[in-house]
Amino acid sequence: MSLGYYDSDLRDEKWQRIVPLLPPQKPVGKLREVSLREVLNAIFYRADNGTK
């Protein structure tokens, strides 16, 4: 659901290093509606660009 690429977006090689640190999807219950990668990209974008 990415609208484009930004300099602050995680590249594949960095994402692969982060994935093992993230909690796995639970086998029961509601599925994640948002990609954790997109969440991190949004956090890094805000940290990089502030609230201009």
PDB file of N, CA and C in Angstrom:
ATOM      1  N   MET A   1       0.819  -1.194   0.000  1.00  0.00           N
ATOM      2  CA  MET A   1       0.000   0.000   0.000  1.00  0.00           C
ATOM      3  C   MET A   1       0.861   1.256   0.000  1.00  0.00           C
ATOM      4  N   SER A   2       2.105   1.103  -0.306  1.00  0.00           N
ATOM      5  CA  SER A   2       3.009   2.236  -0.331  1.00  0.00           C
ATOM      6  C   SER A   2       2.620   3.190  -1.455  1.00  0.00           C
ATOM      7  N   LEU A   3       2.647   4.476  -1.165  1.00  0.00           N
ATOM      8  CA  LEU A   3       2.283   5.476  -2.158  1.00  0.00           C
ATOM      9  C   LEU A   3       3.479   5.920  -2.981  1.00  0.00           C
ATOM     10  N   GLY A   4       4.641   5.528  -2.603  1.00  0.00           N
ATOM     11  CA  GLY A   4       5.856   5.918  -3.298  1.00  0.00           C
ATOM     12  C   GLY A   4       7.051   5.556  -2.442  1.00  0.00           C
ATOM     13  N   TYR A   5       8.209   5.873  -2.952  1.00  0.00           N
ATOM     14  CA  TYR A   5       9.416   5.568  -2.203  1.00  0.00           C
ATOM     15  C   TYR A   5      10.055   6.857  -1.726  1.00  0.00           C
ATOM     16  N   TYR A   6      10.552   6.823  -0.521  1.00  0.00           N
ATOM     17  CA  TYR A   6      11.224   7.966   0.069  1.00  0.00           C
ATOM     18  C   TYR A   6      12.624   7.543   0.472  1.00  0.00           C
ATOM     19  N   ASP A   7      13.515   8.512   0.587  1.00  0.00           N
ATOM     20  CA  ASP A   7      14.880   8.209   1.006  1.00  0.00           C
ATOM     21  C   ASP A   7      14.915   7.530   2.371  1.00  0.00           C
ATOM     22  N   SER A   8      13.918   7.805   3.199  1.00  0.00           N
ATOM     23  CA  SER A   8      13.880   7.240   4.547  1.00  0.00           C
ATOM     24  C   SER A   8      13.333   5.813   4.587  1.00  0.00           C
ATOM     25  N   ASP A   9      12.783   5.309   3.473  1.00  0.00           N
ATOM     26  CA  ASP A   9      12.224   3.948   3.444  1.00  0.00           C
ATOM     27  C   ASP A   9      13.305   2.898   3.662  1.00  0.00           C
ATOM     28  N   LEU A  10      12.915   1.832   4.348  1.00  0.00           N
ATOM     29  CA  LEU A  10      13.836   0.719   4.573  1.00  0.00           C
ATOM     30  C   LEU A  10      14.118  -0.002   3.266  1.00  0.00           C
ATOM     31  N   ARG A  11      15.362  -0.237   3.005  1.00  0.00           N
ATOM     32  CA  ARG A  11      15.750  -1.036   1.845  1.00  0.00           C
ATOM     33  C   ARG A  11      15.647  -2.506   2.235  1.00  0.00           C
ATOM     34  N   ASP A  12      15.559  -3.384   1.247  1.00  0.00           N
ATOM     35  CA  ASP A  12      15.356  -4.811   1.501  1.00  0.00           C
ATOM     36  C   ASP A  12      16.410  -5.409   2.422  1.00  0.00           C
ATOM     37  N   GLU A  13      17.679  -5.053   2.231  1.00  0.00           N
ATOM     38  CA  GLU A  13      18.736  -5.643   3.061  1.00  0.00           C
ATOM     39  C   GLU A  13      18.589  -5.241   4.530  1.00  0.00           C
ATOM     40  N   LYS A  14      18.173  -4.011   4.794  1.00  0.00           N
ATOM     41  CA  LYS A  14      17.960  -3.594   6.190  1.00  0.00           C
ATOM     42  C   LYS A  14      16.698  -4.245   6.760  1.00  0.00           C
ATOM     43  N   TRP A  15      15.662  -4.345   5.940  1.00  0.00           N
ATOM     44  CA  TRP A  15      14.426  -4.976   6.391  1.00  0.00           C
ATOM     45  C   TRP A  15      14.680  -6.422   6.804  1.00  0.00           C
ATOM     46  N   GLN A  16      15.489  -7.144   6.031  1.00  0.00           N
ATOM     47  CA  GLN A  16      15.794  -8.540   6.346  1.00  0.00           C
ATOM     48  C   GLN A  16      16.533  -8.672   7.674  1.00  0.00           C
ATOM     49  N   ARG A  17      17.258  -7.651   8.078  1.00  0.00           N
ATOM     50  CA  ARG A  17      17.953  -7.681   9.371  1.00  0.00           C
ATOM     51  C   ARG A  17      16.990  -7.401  10.526  1.00  0.00           C
ATOM     52  N   ILE A  18      15.907  -6.674  10.253  1.00  0.00           N
ATOM     53  CA  ILE A  18      14.946  -6.306  11.292  1.00  0.00           C
ATOM     54  C   ILE A  18      13.896  -7.392  11.507  1.00  0.00           C
ATOM     55  N   VAL A  19      13.503  -8.084  10.459  1.00  0.00           N
ATOM     56  CA  VAL A  19      12.416  -9.072  10.521  1.00  0.00           C
ATOM     57  C   VAL A  19      12.560 -10.058  11.679  1.00  0.00           C
ATOM     58  N   PRO A  20      13.746 -10.632  11.929  1.00  0.00           N
ATOM     59  CA  PRO A  20      13.849 -11.594  13.032  1.00  0.00           C
ATOM     60  C   PRO A  20      13.583 -10.985  14.415  1.00  0.00           C
ATOM     61  N   LEU A  21      13.658  -9.667  14.529  1.00  0.00           N
ATOM     62  CA  LEU A  21      13.443  -8.999  15.813  1.00  0.00           C
ATOM     63  C   LEU A  21      11.976  -8.687  16.084  1.00  0.00           C
ATOM     64  N   LEU A  22      11.139  -8.790  15.065  1.00  0.00           N
ATOM     65  CA  LEU A  22       9.723  -8.456  15.196  1.00  0.00           C
ATOM     66  C   LEU A  22       8.920  -9.651  15.706  1.00  0.00           C
ATOM     67  N   PRO A  23       7.840  -9.375  16.451  1.00  0.00           N
ATOM     68  CA  PRO A  23       7.008 -10.483  16.923  1.00  0.00           C
ATOM     69  C   PRO A  23       6.310 -11.165  15.749  1.00  0.00           C
ATOM     70  N   PRO A  24       6.214 -12.489  15.787  1.00  0.00           N
ATOM     71  CA  PRO A  24       5.539 -13.197  14.690  1.00  0.00           C
ATOM     72  C   PRO A  24       4.031 -12.965  14.735  1.00  0.00           C
ATOM     73  N   GLN A  25       3.389 -13.192  13.619  1.00  0.00           N
ATOM     74  CA  GLN A  25       1.929 -13.109  13.560  1.00  0.00           C
ATOM     75  C   GLN A  25       1.357 -14.192  14.465  1.00  0.00           C
ATOM     76  N   LYS A  26       0.362 -13.853  15.260  1.00  0.00           N
ATOM     77  CA  LYS A  26      -0.259 -14.833  16.141  1.00  0.00           C
ATOM     78  C   LYS A  26      -1.077 -15.819  15.311  1.00  0.00           C
ATOM     79  N   PRO A  27      -1.061 -17.110  15.693  1.00  0.00           N
ATOM     80  CA  PRO A  27      -1.798 -18.112  14.912  1.00  0.00           C
ATOM     81  C   PRO A  27      -3.318 -17.964  15.020  1.00  0.00           C
ATOM     82  N   VAL A  28      -3.786 -17.300  16.066  1.00  0.00           N
ATOM     83  CA  VAL A  28      -5.227 -17.081  16.222  1.00  0.00           C
ATOM     84  C   VAL A  28      -5.473 -15.595  16.429  1.00  0.00           C
ATOM     85  N   GLY A  29      -6.689 -15.195  16.197  1.00  0.00           N
ATOM     86  CA  GLY A  29      -7.031 -13.795  16.390  1.00  0.00           C
ATOM     87  C   GLY A  29      -7.017 -13.020  15.083  1.00  0.00           C
ATOM     88  N   LYS A  30      -7.154 -11.723  15.221  1.00  0.00           N
ATOM     89  CA  LYS A  30      -7.240 -10.847  14.060  1.00  0.00           C
ATOM     90  C   LYS A  30      -5.886 -10.721  13.365  1.00  0.00           C
ATOM     91  N   LEU A  31      -5.908 -10.780  12.045  1.00  0.00           N
ATOM     92  CA  LEU A  31      -4.686 -10.610  11.265  1.00  0.00           C
ATOM     93  C   LEU A  31      -4.267  -9.143  11.263  1.00  0.00           C
ATOM     94  N   ARG A  32      -2.995  -8.909  11.069  1.00  0.00           N
ATOM     95  CA  ARG A  32      -2.503  -7.537  10.964  1.00  0.00           C
ATOM     96  C   ARG A  32      -3.101  -6.883   9.726  1.00  0.00           C
ATOM     97  N   GLU A  33      -3.569  -5.666   9.903  1.00  0.00           N
ATOM     98  CA  GLU A  33      -4.149  -4.936   8.779  1.00  0.00           C
ATOM     99  C   GLU A  33      -3.115  -4.068   8.084  1.00  0.00           C
ATOM    100  N   VAL A  34      -2.018  -3.778   8.774  1.00  0.00           N
ATOM    101  CA  VAL A  34      -0.992  -2.889   8.247  1.00  0.00           C
ATOM    102  C   VAL A  34       0.347  -3.611   8.285  1.00  0.00           C
ATOM    103  N   SER A  35       1.107  -3.466   7.236  1.00  0.00           N
ATOM    104  CA  SER A  35       2.435  -4.058   7.169  1.00  0.00           C
ATOM    105  C   SER A  35       3.352  -3.389   8.190  1.00  0.00           C
ATOM    106  N   LEU A  36       4.079  -4.197   8.953  1.00  0.00           N
ATOM    107  CA  LEU A  36       5.016  -3.630   9.917  1.00  0.00           C
ATOM    108  C   LEU A  36       6.115  -2.836   9.212  1.00  0.00           C
ATOM    109  N   ARG A  37       6.440  -3.238   8.008  1.00  0.00           N
ATOM    110  CA  ARG A  37       7.440  -2.489   7.234  1.00  0.00           C
ATOM    111  C   ARG A  37       6.924  -1.086   6.915  1.00  0.00           C
ATOM    112  N   GLU A  38       5.648  -0.976   6.560  1.00  0.00           N
ATOM    113  CA  GLU A  38       5.064   0.336   6.281  1.00  0.00           C
ATOM    114  C   GLU A  38       5.013   1.199   7.540  1.00  0.00           C
ATOM    115  N   VAL A  39       4.754   0.580   8.687  1.00  0.00           N
ATOM    116  CA  VAL A  39       4.750   1.319   9.950  1.00  0.00           C
ATOM    117  C   VAL A  39       6.141   1.883  10.222  1.00  0.00           C
ATOM    118  N   LEU A  40       7.163   1.046  10.069  1.00  0.00           N
ATOM    119  CA  LEU A  40       8.528   1.521  10.289  1.00  0.00           C
ATOM    120  C   LEU A  40       8.909   2.591   9.270  1.00  0.00           C
ATOM    121  N   ASN A  41       8.502   2.419   8.029  1.00  0.00           N
ATOM    122  CA  ASN A  41       8.782   3.450   7.023  1.00  0.00           C
ATOM    123  C   ASN A  41       8.162   4.785   7.423  1.00  0.00           C
ATOM    124  N   ALA A  42       6.946   4.760   7.947  1.00  0.00           N
ATOM    125  CA  ALA A  42       6.284   5.990   8.381  1.00  0.00           C
ATOM    126  C   ALA A  42       7.026   6.628   9.550  1.00  0.00           C
ATOM    127  N   ILE A  43       7.474   5.814  10.497  1.00  0.00           N
ATOM    128  CA  ILE A  43       8.225   6.338  11.642  1.00  0.00           C
ATOM    129  C   ILE A  43       9.527   6.974  11.174  1.00  0.00           C
ATOM    130  N   PHE A  44      10.248   6.291  10.293  1.00  0.00           N
ATOM    131  CA  PHE A  44      11.513   6.834   9.791  1.00  0.00           C
ATOM    132  C   PHE A  44      11.289   8.094   8.959  1.00  0.00           C
ATOM    133  N   TYR A  45      10.196   8.144   8.212  1.00  0.00           N
ATOM    134  CA  TYR A  45       9.882   9.339   7.426  1.00  0.00           C
ATOM    135  C   TYR A  45       9.672  10.532   8.350  1.00  0.00           C
ATOM    136  N   ARG A  46       8.882  10.327   9.407  1.00  0.00           N
ATOM    137  CA  ARG A  46       8.618  11.416  10.353  1.00  0.00           C
ATOM    138  C   ARG A  46       9.890  11.852  11.068  1.00  0.00           C
ATOM    139  N   ALA A  47      10.720  10.885  11.435  1.00  0.00           N
ATOM    140  CA  ALA A  47      11.976  11.215  12.110  1.00  0.00           C
ATOM    141  C   ALA A  47      12.902  11.980  11.166  1.00  0.00           C
ATOM    142  N   ASP A  48      12.891  11.627   9.902  1.00  0.00           N
ATOM    143  CA  ASP A  48      13.772  12.256   8.917  1.00  0.00           C
ATOM    144  C   ASP A  48      13.270  13.638   8.505  1.00  0.00           C
ATOM    145  N   ASN A  49      11.951  13.794   8.378  1.00  0.00           N
ATOM    146  CA  ASN A  49      11.375  15.030   7.846  1.00  0.00           C
ATOM    147  C   ASN A  49      10.676  15.901   8.880  1.00  0.00           C
ATOM    148  N   GLY A  50      10.491  15.388  10.070  1.00  0.00           N
ATOM    149  CA  GLY A  50       9.820  16.174  11.098  1.00  0.00           C
ATOM    150  C   GLY A  50       8.359  16.408  10.766  1.00  0.00           C
ATOM    151  N   THR A  51       7.833  17.485  11.271  1.00  0.00           N
ATOM    152  CA  THR A  51       6.417  17.795  11.056  1.00  0.00           C
ATOM    153  C   THR A  51       6.274  19.056  10.220  1.00  0.00           C
ATOM    154  N   LYS A  52       7.015  19.154   9.164  1.00  0.00           N
ATOM    155  CA  LYS A  52       7.043  20.344   8.298  1.00  0.00           C
ATOM    156  C   LYS A  52       5.664  20.813   7.932  1.00  0.00           C
TER     157      LYS A  52
END
